[in-house]
Every structure is written in C-alpha cells, then in structure tokens.
Amino acid sequence: MTDTQTDLPEAAPEPEPAPQRAASLLARIIDHLRNQHWTAVFLEFVVVVAGVFIGFQLNNWNEERELNQRRDQIIAALVTDLRDATRVQTTIVEAVEAGRAQWQSDFEAGDLPPPYYLRFPGSDTAPQTWDALQRMQLPDMLDPTTIFDLAFYYSELEGVGQKYTRYVTFVESHILPNLKRDPSVFYLPDKSALLPEFEANMDRASDYAADAATLNAWASCLVYRLEAGRSFDQTCRRAGFRLEGMTSDELARLRELDHALAALAQ
C-alpha cells in the first residue's frame, strides 16, 4: 500500500484593502515626485482621476436606474387607478341614462314611479390617491405640465365626490324613507309632475353623471399621456381631452362620451 499525496492549489492572495491601496498609491506618487519621475506622476494622476470619474459615473447610473424604476412603478399605479376610475365613471353614466329614461317611460305611460336616484355600495368618496402621490418625488419623475394635469384632475374628482355626497344625503333622508309609502307623496297634488325638490334631485343625478363623463374623458387622456413616453405642451383639459397621436379607437370613445354629455344636458 502506497501513500498518495494530492497537491492542493495555492490559495489566491486576498485583495488589498481599499485604505491600504490608497496609501500605497499615495506613497508611489510621493516617491515619483521625489525622484522627479514626471511621466510616472502623470500616469498615476490619470489613474486616480479616471477612477474617481468612473466611480461617479457608476453612482449616477445607479441613481438614474433606480429613479426610472421608481417612475415606472408610479406610472403603472397611476394608470391602474385612472382605468379603475373610468370603469366606475362609465357605470355611473350608463346607470343614470338608463334610470332616467325608464322613469320617463313609466311616467308617460301613466304610472307614478318614485323619483330616479343613483346610489351604489361602498364609500361615497373616491380614494385620496393624489394625497399619497404628493408624498413621492413626482417633480423628479414627471414633467410640470403632466403634474399640473394630474393635480387638476384629482382636485376635480374630489370636488365631484363632495357634490355626490350632498346629493346622496338628500336621497337617504327624503327618498328612501318614503319608498314604501304611496308614490303620490313625491308628486304635485294634480300628479302632473314631481314636487320641485324631487325633480331637482333627479337633475342633480344627471349633473353628477355629466361630471362623471367629463372625468372619464379626462382620465382616459391622462392614461394616454402617461403611457405615451413623451411630453405634451397642453394639459388634457385645454386640449379637449384629445392629444396628438391618439388612436382612432381612443378618439371614438371620446366621441361617445361627448354624445353622453349632450344627452344628459337635455
């Protein structure tokens, strides 16, 4: 039986710590200066400057990459919120148009239908999306016109939500408690029309739907703006919610909202 021996590879030398490398470099430069080796001094100086420059460039690149990732995440969240809003707003417009048309048809047929009212489950106000976004570094990620456009939209969204809260307060205090009573309580004594307060409340439902249609067009424009990857000089509202480069499908949808607004105004 013979002994065998395995030669292990030599361990790689550990890298020199950064402080020691810097001290070594400084010592070499001093030595070159003492010996007046100007070419060597120049080369060492170039190495130092290049190292510092590359370090700054890498740091700037990392910061820019992180900012772009953050920007993409915020835009994706905004687009999701705006698209969710358009779905809700479309439902509101369709519900009010259908509800008022049904009420008018029943009344003209000789019935005394209760006043049409709009009421949906959940919160009466939109989420405070813009308040959350204001705590982020939006000025570093979006151009000023886009930021103003978004701020204006979310401000209007909040204002319209407050109008709906006032509208639904009347519904809950004056219409819902009387639904099980004789429907004539909602009408003039001669049954020729609704009492003024109930007629006005139905008009407020149409006003709210018209606001929803406008916000719908606005949100659709903002989605296009955020996803276009370019800047636009005008805000969506100033441009009539139609920005350069929109597809025929997007423009057709905006025309449908225009028709809805015209119908609600009648």
C-alpha atoms as a PDB file:
ATOM      1  CA  MET A   1       0.000   0.000   0.000  1.00  0.00           C
ATOM      2  CA  THR A   2       1.473   3.296  -1.067  1.00  0.00           C
ATOM      3  CA  ASP A   3       0.779   6.759   0.231  1.00  0.00           C
ATOM      4  CA  THR A   4      -0.698   9.200  -2.184  1.00  0.00           C
ATOM      5  CA  GLN A   5      -0.413  12.919  -1.903  1.00  0.00           C
ATOM      6  CA  THR A   6      -2.691  15.460  -3.539  1.00  0.00           C
ATOM      7  CA  ASP A   7      -1.235  18.845  -4.266  1.00  0.00           C
ATOM      8  CA  LEU A   8      -3.750  21.494  -3.337  1.00  0.00           C
ATOM      9  CA  PRO A   9      -3.797  24.684  -5.386  1.00  0.00           C
ATOM     10  CA  GLU A  10      -2.332  27.686  -3.702  1.00  0.00           C
ATOM     11  CA  ALA A  11      -4.894  29.999  -2.207  1.00  0.00           C
ATOM     12  CA  ALA A  12      -5.391  33.201  -4.125  1.00  0.00           C
ATOM     13  CA  PRO A  13      -3.967  36.204  -2.320  1.00  0.00           C
ATOM     14  CA  GLU A  14      -6.543  38.262  -0.543  1.00  0.00           C
ATOM     15  CA  PRO A  15      -7.263  41.609  -2.218  1.00  0.00           C
ATOM     16  CA  GLU A  16      -5.569  44.564  -0.655  1.00  0.00           C
ATOM     17  CA  PRO A  17      -7.985  46.622   1.472  1.00  0.00           C
ATOM     18  CA  ALA A  18      -9.045  49.935  -0.069  1.00  0.00           C
ATOM     19  CA  PRO A  19      -7.331  52.131   2.573  1.00  0.00           C
ATOM     20  CA  GLN A  20      -4.064  50.252   2.023  1.00  0.00           C
ATOM     21  CA  ARG A  21      -4.401  50.558  -1.762  1.00  0.00           C
ATOM     22  CA  ALA A  22      -4.923  54.314  -1.421  1.00  0.00           C
ATOM     23  CA  ALA A  23      -1.908  54.622   0.908  1.00  0.00           C
ATOM     24  CA  SER A  24       0.226  52.561  -1.467  1.00  0.00           C
ATOM     25  CA  LEU A  25      -0.811  54.741  -4.415  1.00  0.00           C
ATOM     26  CA  LEU A  26      -0.034  57.908  -2.469  1.00  0.00           C
ATOM     27  CA  ALA A  27       3.359  56.511  -1.462  1.00  0.00           C
ATOM     28  CA  ARG A  28       4.182  55.752  -5.079  1.00  0.00           C
ATOM     29  CA  ILE A  29       3.215  59.246  -6.194  1.00  0.00           C
ATOM     30  CA  ILE A  30       5.382  60.790  -3.460  1.00  0.00           C
ATOM     31  CA  ASP A  31       8.267  58.543  -4.461  1.00  0.00           C
ATOM     32  CA  HIS A  32       7.890  59.545  -8.121  1.00  0.00           C
ATOM     33  CA  LEU A  33       7.835  63.222  -7.158  1.00  0.00           C
ATOM     34  CA  ARG A  34      10.937  62.821  -5.004  1.00  0.00           C
ATOM     35  CA  ASN A  35      12.756  61.163  -7.880  1.00  0.00           C
ATOM     36  CA  GLN A  36      11.251  63.561 -10.444  1.00  0.00           C
ATOM     37  CA  HIS A  37       9.731  60.757 -12.485  1.00  0.00           C
ATOM     38  CA  TRP A  38       7.239  63.109 -14.134  1.00  0.00           C
ATOM     39  CA  THR A  39       5.852  60.593 -16.614  1.00  0.00           C
ATOM     40  CA  ALA A  40       5.087  58.177 -13.807  1.00  0.00           C
ATOM     41  CA  VAL A  41       3.499  61.003 -11.786  1.00  0.00           C
ATOM     42  CA  PHE A  42       1.320  61.900 -14.756  1.00  0.00           C
ATOM     43  CA  LEU A  43       0.240  58.285 -15.274  1.00  0.00           C
ATOM     44  CA  GLU A  44      -0.598  57.818 -11.605  1.00  0.00           C
ATOM     45  CA  PHE A  45      -2.582  61.080 -11.677  1.00  0.00           C
ATOM     46  CA  VAL A  46      -4.534  59.877 -14.742  1.00  0.00           C
ATOM     47  CA  VAL A  47      -5.322  56.601 -12.959  1.00  0.00           C
ATOM     48  CA  VAL A  48      -6.645  58.486  -9.922  1.00  0.00           C
ATOM     49  CA  VAL A  49      -8.793  60.869 -11.974  1.00  0.00           C
ATOM     50  CA  ALA A  50     -10.146  58.054 -14.144  1.00  0.00           C
ATOM     51  CA  GLY A  51     -11.024  56.010 -11.070  1.00  0.00           C
ATOM     52  CA  VAL A  52     -12.862  58.892  -9.439  1.00  0.00           C
ATOM     53  CA  PHE A  53     -14.704  59.692 -12.701  1.00  0.00           C
ATOM     54  CA  ILE A  54     -15.770  56.085 -13.252  1.00  0.00           C
ATOM     55  CA  GLY A  55     -16.931  55.859  -9.658  1.00  0.00           C
ATOM     56  CA  PHE A  56     -19.106  58.954 -10.040  1.00  0.00           C
ATOM     57  CA  GLN A  57     -20.487  57.701 -13.345  1.00  0.00           C
ATOM     58  CA  LEU A  58     -21.420  54.340 -11.851  1.00  0.00           C
ATOM     59  CA  ASN A  59     -23.078  56.058  -8.907  1.00  0.00           C
ATOM     60  CA  ASN A  60     -25.047  58.388 -11.217  1.00  0.00           C
ATOM     61  CA  TRP A  61     -26.049  55.452 -13.415  1.00  0.00           C
ATOM     62  CA  ASN A  62     -27.335  53.513 -10.407  1.00  0.00           C
ATOM     63  CA  GLU A  63     -29.289  56.528  -9.145  1.00  0.00           C
ATOM     64  CA  GLU A  64     -30.804  57.124 -12.599  1.00  0.00           C
ATOM     65  CA  ARG A  65     -31.729  53.444 -12.943  1.00  0.00           C
ATOM     66  CA  GLU A  66     -33.424  53.463  -9.527  1.00  0.00           C
ATOM     67  CA  LEU A  67     -35.273  56.698 -10.403  1.00  0.00           C
ATOM     68  CA  ASN A  68     -36.502  55.212 -13.697  1.00  0.00           C
ATOM     69  CA  GLN A  69     -37.689  52.073 -11.924  1.00  0.00           C
ATOM     70  CA  ARG A  70     -39.482  54.205  -9.351  1.00  0.00           C
ATOM     71  CA  ARG A  71     -41.023  56.323 -12.121  1.00  0.00           C
ATOM     72  CA  ASP A  72     -42.269  53.225 -13.961  1.00  0.00           C
ATOM     73  CA  GLN A  73     -43.849  51.896 -10.764  1.00  0.00           C
ATOM     74  CA  ILE A  74     -45.630  55.202 -10.051  1.00  0.00           C
ATOM     75  CA  ILE A  75     -46.881  55.487 -13.638  1.00  0.00           C
ATOM     76  CA  ALA A  76     -48.181  51.909 -13.509  1.00  0.00           C
ATOM     77  CA  ALA A  77     -50.026  52.669 -10.245  1.00  0.00           C
ATOM     78  CA  LEU A  78     -51.474  55.878 -11.705  1.00  0.00           C
ATOM     79  CA  VAL A  79     -52.636  54.138 -14.878  1.00  0.00           C
ATOM     80  CA  THR A  80     -54.317  51.402 -12.826  1.00  0.00           C
ATOM     81  CA  ASP A  81     -56.101  53.978 -10.661  1.00  0.00           C
ATOM     82  CA  LEU A  82     -57.224  56.030 -13.681  1.00  0.00           C
ATOM     83  CA  ARG A  83     -58.518  52.971 -15.524  1.00  0.00           C
ATOM     84  CA  ASP A  84     -60.408  51.849 -12.430  1.00  0.00           C
ATOM     85  CA  ALA A  85     -61.931  55.331 -12.284  1.00  0.00           C
ATOM     86  CA  THR A  86     -63.039  55.200 -15.930  1.00  0.00           C
ATOM     87  CA  ARG A  87     -64.848  51.915 -15.310  1.00  0.00           C
ATOM     88  CA  VAL A  88     -66.730  53.387 -12.345  1.00  0.00           C
ATOM     89  CA  GLN A  89     -67.486  56.587 -14.261  1.00  0.00           C
ATOM     90  CA  THR A  90     -68.782  54.645 -17.261  1.00  0.00           C
ATOM     91  CA  THR A  91     -71.099  52.679 -14.968  1.00  0.00           C
ATOM     92  CA  ILE A  92     -72.425  55.921 -13.458  1.00  0.00           C
ATOM     93  CA  VAL A  93     -73.156  57.490 -16.855  1.00  0.00           C
ATOM     94  CA  GLU A  94     -74.900  54.370 -18.152  1.00  0.00           C
ATOM     95  CA  ALA A  95     -76.904  53.912 -14.938  1.00  0.00           C
ATOM     96  CA  VAL A  96     -78.204  57.484 -14.899  1.00  0.00           C
ATOM     97  CA  GLU A  97     -79.067  57.484 -18.602  1.00  0.00           C
ATOM     98  CA  ALA A  98     -80.967  54.198 -18.278  1.00  0.00           C
ATOM     99  CA  GLY A  99     -82.604  55.125 -14.965  1.00  0.00           C
ATOM    100  CA  ARG A 100     -83.907  58.487 -16.117  1.00  0.00           C
ATOM    101  CA  ALA A 101     -85.131  57.019 -19.410  1.00  0.00           C
ATOM    102  CA  GLN A 102     -87.017  54.294 -17.529  1.00  0.00           C
ATOM    103  CA  TRP A 103     -88.558  56.821 -15.158  1.00  0.00           C
ATOM    104  CA  GLN A 104     -89.671  59.000 -18.093  1.00  0.00           C
ATOM    105  CA  SER A 105     -91.148  55.989 -19.898  1.00  0.00           C
ATOM    106  CA  ASP A 106     -93.108  54.861 -16.815  1.00  0.00           C
ATOM    107  CA  PHE A 107     -94.399  58.379 -16.129  1.00  0.00           C
ATOM    108  CA  GLU A 108     -95.527  58.876 -19.712  1.00  0.00           C
ATOM    109  CA  ALA A 109     -97.313  55.521 -19.508  1.00  0.00           C
ATOM    110  CA  GLY A 110     -99.493  56.911 -16.684  1.00  0.00           C
ATOM    111  CA  ASP A 111     -97.640  55.443 -13.715  1.00  0.00           C
ATOM    112  CA  LEU A 112     -96.320  57.363 -10.722  1.00  0.00           C
ATOM    113  CA  PRO A 113     -92.801  55.984 -10.388  1.00  0.00           C
ATOM    114  CA  PRO A 114     -90.664  57.125  -7.465  1.00  0.00           C
ATOM    115  CA  PRO A 115     -88.020  59.673  -8.413  1.00  0.00           C
ATOM    116  CA  TYR A 116     -84.999  58.110 -10.023  1.00  0.00           C
ATOM    117  CA  TYR A 117     -81.966  58.163  -7.764  1.00  0.00           C
ATOM    118  CA  LEU A 118     -78.381  56.963  -8.048  1.00  0.00           C
ATOM    119  CA  ARG A 119     -76.915  55.041  -5.191  1.00  0.00           C
ATOM    120  CA  PHE A 120     -74.134  52.464  -5.200  1.00  0.00           C
ATOM    121  CA  PRO A 121     -72.450  50.378  -2.486  1.00  0.00           C
ATOM    122  CA  GLY A 122     -69.175  51.295  -0.876  1.00  0.00           C
ATOM    123  CA  SER A 123     -67.683  54.647   0.001  1.00  0.00           C
ATOM    124  CA  ASP A 124     -69.348  57.817  -1.282  1.00  0.00           C
ATOM    125  CA  THR A 125     -65.976  59.426  -1.990  1.00  0.00           C
ATOM    126  CA  ALA A 126     -63.010  58.495  -4.180  1.00  0.00           C
ATOM    127  CA  PRO A 127     -59.761  57.306  -2.549  1.00  0.00           C
ATOM    128  CA  GLN A 128     -57.239  60.011  -1.721  1.00  0.00           C
ATOM    129  CA  THR A 129     -54.799  58.918  -4.422  1.00  0.00           C
ATOM    130  CA  TRP A 130     -53.316  62.353  -5.027  1.00  0.00           C
ATOM    131  CA  ASP A 131     -52.585  62.892  -1.327  1.00  0.00           C
ATOM    132  CA  ALA A 132     -50.474  59.726  -1.373  1.00  0.00           C
ATOM    133  CA  LEU A 133     -48.724  60.705  -4.611  1.00  0.00           C
ATOM    134  CA  GLN A 134     -47.798  64.148  -3.281  1.00  0.00           C
ATOM    135  CA  ARG A 135     -45.589  62.449  -0.700  1.00  0.00           C
ATOM    136  CA  MET A 136     -43.492  60.970  -3.513  1.00  0.00           C
ATOM    137  CA  GLN A 137     -40.828  62.760  -5.562  1.00  0.00           C
ATOM    138  CA  LEU A 138     -43.061  63.441  -8.559  1.00  0.00           C
ATOM    139  CA  PRO A 139     -41.209  66.591  -9.747  1.00  0.00           C
ATOM    140  CA  ASP A 140     -38.145  64.391 -10.371  1.00  0.00           C
ATOM    141  CA  MET A 141     -40.155  61.876 -12.388  1.00  0.00           C
ATOM    142  CA  LEU A 142     -42.798  63.728 -14.426  1.00  0.00           C
ATOM    143  CA  ASP A 143     -42.784  66.961 -16.397  1.00  0.00           C
ATOM    144  CA  PRO A 144     -44.527  70.022 -14.848  1.00  0.00           C
ATOM    145  CA  THR A 145     -47.466  70.021 -17.302  1.00  0.00           C
ATOM    146  CA  THR A 146     -48.273  66.391 -16.525  1.00  0.00           C
ATOM    147  CA  ILE A 147     -48.066  67.037 -12.780  1.00  0.00           C
ATOM    148  CA  PHE A 148     -50.413  70.020 -13.108  1.00  0.00           C
ATOM    149  CA  ASP A 149     -52.789  67.947 -15.261  1.00  0.00           C
ATOM    150  CA  LEU A 150     -52.890  65.157 -12.676  1.00  0.00           C
ATOM    151  CA  ALA A 151     -53.321  67.581  -9.772  1.00  0.00           C
ATOM    152  CA  PHE A 152     -56.197  69.355 -11.545  1.00  0.00           C
ATOM    153  CA  TYR A 153     -57.914  66.039 -12.370  1.00  0.00           C
ATOM    154  CA  TYR A 154     -57.704  64.679  -8.828  1.00  0.00           C
ATOM    155  CA  SER A 155     -58.878  68.009  -7.422  1.00  0.00           C
ATOM    156  CA  GLU A 156     -61.936  67.867  -9.690  1.00  0.00           C
ATOM    157  CA  LEU A 157     -62.510  64.231  -8.759  1.00  0.00           C
ATOM    158  CA  GLU A 158     -62.584  65.158  -5.085  1.00  0.00           C
ATOM    159  CA  GLY A 159     -64.936  68.095  -5.730  1.00  0.00           C
ATOM    160  CA  VAL A 160     -67.351  65.942  -7.730  1.00  0.00           C
ATOM    161  CA  GLY A 161     -67.254  63.380  -4.929  1.00  0.00           C
ATOM    162  CA  GLN A 162     -68.292  66.053  -2.451  1.00  0.00           C
ATOM    163  CA  LYS A 163     -71.202  67.014  -4.729  1.00  0.00           C
ATOM    164  CA  TYR A 164     -72.308  63.373  -4.802  1.00  0.00           C
ATOM    165  CA  THR A 165     -72.171  63.240  -1.006  1.00  0.00           C
ATOM    166  CA  ARG A 166     -74.590  66.179  -0.826  1.00  0.00           C
ATOM    167  CA  TYR A 167     -76.794  64.561  -3.478  1.00  0.00           C
ATOM    168  CA  VAL A 168     -76.990  61.184  -1.763  1.00  0.00           C
ATOM    169  CA  THR A 169     -77.697  62.820   1.606  1.00  0.00           C
ATOM    170  CA  PHE A 170     -80.994  64.089   0.167  1.00  0.00           C
ATOM    171  CA  VAL A 171     -81.724  60.653  -1.299  1.00  0.00           C
ATOM    172  CA  GLU A 172     -81.198  58.932   2.035  1.00  0.00           C
ATOM    173  CA  SER A 173     -83.185  61.467   4.048  1.00  0.00           C
ATOM    174  CA  HIS A 174     -86.104  62.248   1.680  1.00  0.00           C
ATOM    175  CA  ILE A 175     -86.500  59.500  -0.922  1.00  0.00           C
ATOM    176  CA  LEU A 176     -85.533  56.199   0.679  1.00  0.00           C
ATOM    177  CA  PRO A 177     -87.750  56.680   3.792  1.00  0.00           C
ATOM    178  CA  ASN A 178     -90.800  57.249   1.540  1.00  0.00           C
ATOM    179  CA  LEU A 179     -90.365  54.397  -0.921  1.00  0.00           C
ATOM    180  CA  LYS A 180     -92.863  52.176   0.915  1.00  0.00           C
ATOM    181  CA  ARG A 181     -95.492  54.894   1.018  1.00  0.00           C
ATOM    182  CA  ASP A 182     -97.916  55.832  -1.722  1.00  0.00           C
ATOM    183  CA  PRO A 183     -95.761  57.201  -4.599  1.00  0.00           C
ATOM    184  CA  SER A 184     -98.058  60.211  -4.827  1.00  0.00           C
ATOM    185  CA  VAL A 185     -96.065  61.691  -1.906  1.00  0.00           C
ATOM    186  CA  PHE A 186     -93.395  62.562  -4.473  1.00  0.00           C
ATOM    187  CA  TYR A 187     -95.793  64.407  -6.802  1.00  0.00           C
ATOM    188  CA  LEU A 188     -97.753  67.619  -7.042  1.00  0.00           C
ATOM    189  CA  PRO A 189    -101.404  67.343  -5.904  1.00  0.00           C
ATOM    190  CA  ASP A 190    -102.588  67.072  -9.532  1.00  0.00           C
ATOM    191  CA  LYS A 191     -99.962  64.337 -10.256  1.00  0.00           C
ATOM    192  CA  SER A 192     -98.751  66.302 -13.277  1.00  0.00           C
ATOM    193  CA  ALA A 193     -95.136  66.382 -12.181  1.00  0.00           C
ATOM    194  CA  LEU A 194     -92.766  65.599  -9.350  1.00  0.00           C
ATOM    195  CA  LEU A 195     -92.519  68.008  -6.459  1.00  0.00           C
ATOM    196  CA  PRO A 196     -89.784  70.585  -7.214  1.00  0.00           C
ATOM    197  CA  GLU A 197     -87.332  69.178  -4.672  1.00  0.00           C
ATOM    198  CA  PHE A 198     -87.527  65.672  -6.174  1.00  0.00           C
ATOM    199  CA  GLU A 199     -87.317  66.982  -9.727  1.00  0.00           C
ATOM    200  CA  ALA A 200     -84.242  68.973  -8.702  1.00  0.00           C
ATOM    201  CA  ASN A 201     -82.681  65.892  -7.138  1.00  0.00           C
ATOM    202  CA  MET A 202     -83.139  63.960 -10.376  1.00  0.00           C
ATOM    203  CA  ASP A 203     -81.456  66.833 -12.201  1.00  0.00           C
ATOM    204  CA  ARG A 204     -78.560  66.595  -9.750  1.00  0.00           C
ATOM    205  CA  ALA A 205     -78.161  62.936 -10.710  1.00  0.00           C
ATOM    206  CA  SER A 206     -77.843  63.998 -14.349  1.00  0.00           C
ATOM    207  CA  ASP A 207     -75.345  66.687 -13.368  1.00  0.00           C
ATOM    208  CA  TYR A 208     -73.291  64.112 -11.476  1.00  0.00           C
ATOM    209  CA  ALA A 209     -73.342  61.761 -14.468  1.00  0.00           C
ATOM    210  CA  ALA A 210     -72.227  64.622 -16.736  1.00  0.00           C
ATOM    211  CA  ASP A 211     -69.339  65.309 -14.359  1.00  0.00           C
ATOM    212  CA  ALA A 212     -68.501  61.593 -14.431  1.00  0.00           C
ATOM    213  CA  ALA A 213     -68.462  61.628 -18.247  1.00  0.00           C
ATOM    214  CA  THR A 214     -66.074  64.599 -18.236  1.00  0.00           C
ATOM    215  CA  LEU A 215     -63.808  62.929 -15.673  1.00  0.00           C
ATOM    216  CA  ASN A 216     -63.949  59.753 -17.751  1.00  0.00           C
ATOM    217  CA  ALA A 217     -62.629  61.569 -20.829  1.00  0.00           C
ATOM    218  CA  TRP A 218     -60.015  63.302 -18.682  1.00  0.00           C
ATOM    219  CA  ALA A 219     -58.808  60.051 -17.087  1.00  0.00           C
ATOM    220  CA  SER A 220     -58.592  58.371 -20.500  1.00  0.00           C
ATOM    221  CA  CYS A 221     -56.495  61.276 -21.777  1.00  0.00           C
ATOM    222  CA  LEU A 222     -54.204  61.063 -18.750  1.00  0.00           C
ATOM    223  CA  VAL A 223     -53.677  57.335 -19.302  1.00  0.00           C
ATOM    224  CA  TYR A 224     -52.595  58.066 -22.867  1.00  0.00           C
ATOM    225  CA  ARG A 225     -50.369  60.913 -21.660  1.00  0.00           C
ATOM    226  CA  LEU A 226     -48.600  58.749 -19.072  1.00  0.00           C
ATOM    227  CA  GLU A 227     -48.081  55.820 -21.421  1.00  0.00           C
ATOM    228  CA  ALA A 228     -47.007  57.865 -24.459  1.00  0.00           C
ATOM    229  CA  GLY A 229     -43.439  58.256 -23.203  1.00  0.00           C
ATOM    230  CA  ARG A 230     -43.254  61.880 -24.355  1.00  0.00           C
ATOM    231  CA  SER A 231     -44.198  65.371 -23.208  1.00  0.00           C
ATOM    232  CA  PHE A 232     -47.161  67.436 -24.402  1.00  0.00           C
ATOM    233  CA  ASP A 233     -47.386  71.214 -24.244  1.00  0.00           C
ATOM    234  CA  GLN A 234     -51.093  71.332 -23.333  1.00  0.00           C
ATOM    235  CA  THR A 235     -52.990  69.833 -20.449  1.00  0.00           C
ATOM    236  CA  CYS A 236     -55.671  67.300 -21.312  1.00  0.00           C
ATOM    237  CA  ARG A 237     -58.465  69.699 -20.416  1.00  0.00           C
ATOM    238  CA  ARG A 238     -57.075  72.551 -22.530  1.00  0.00           C
ATOM    239  CA  ALA A 239     -56.652  70.137 -25.450  1.00  0.00           C
ATOM    240  CA  GLY A 240     -60.267  68.982 -25.193  1.00  0.00           C
ATOM    241  CA  PHE A 241     -59.010  65.621 -23.860  1.00  0.00           C
ATOM    242  CA  ARG A 242     -57.529  64.860 -27.287  1.00  0.00           C
ATOM    243  CA  LEU A 243     -53.760  64.697 -27.516  1.00  0.00           C
ATOM    244  CA  GLU A 244     -51.634  64.272 -30.596  1.00  0.00           C
ATOM    245  CA  GLY A 245     -51.124  60.648 -31.584  1.00  0.00           C
ATOM    246  CA  MET A 246     -54.275  59.169 -30.051  1.00  0.00           C
ATOM    247  CA  THR A 247     -55.609  56.126 -31.889  1.00  0.00           C
ATOM    248  CA  SER A 248     -58.914  56.069 -33.770  1.00  0.00           C
ATOM    249  CA  ASP A 249     -60.382  53.801 -31.057  1.00  0.00           C
ATOM    250  CA  GLU A 250     -59.424  56.281 -28.335  1.00  0.00           C
ATOM    251  CA  LEU A 251     -60.931  59.170 -30.279  1.00  0.00           C
ATOM    252  CA  ALA A 252     -64.105  57.167 -30.979  1.00  0.00           C
ATOM    253  CA  ARG A 253     -64.524  56.527 -27.252  1.00  0.00           C
ATOM    254  CA  LEU A 254     -64.186  60.249 -26.558  1.00  0.00           C
ATOM    255  CA  ARG A 255     -66.895  60.967 -29.134  1.00  0.00           C
ATOM    256  CA  GLU A 256     -69.186  58.517 -27.313  1.00  0.00           C
ATOM    257  CA  LEU A 257     -68.623  60.472 -24.104  1.00  0.00           C
ATOM    258  CA  ASP A 258     -69.433  63.695 -25.964  1.00  0.00           C
ATOM    259  CA  HIS A 259     -72.765  62.157 -27.046  1.00  0.00           C
ATOM    260  CA  ALA A 260     -73.462  61.067 -23.462  1.00  0.00           C
ATOM    261  CA  LEU A 261     -72.811  64.595 -22.215  1.00  0.00           C
ATOM    262  CA  ALA A 262     -75.174  66.022 -24.821  1.00  0.00           C
ATOM    263  CA  ALA A 263     -77.894  63.544 -23.848  1.00  0.00           C
ATOM    264  CA  LEU A 264     -77.526  64.293 -20.132  1.00  0.00           C
ATOM    265  CA  ALA A 265     -77.801  68.024 -20.800  1.00  0.00           C
ATOM    266  CA  GLN A 266     -81.264  67.641 -22.376  1.00  0.00           C
END
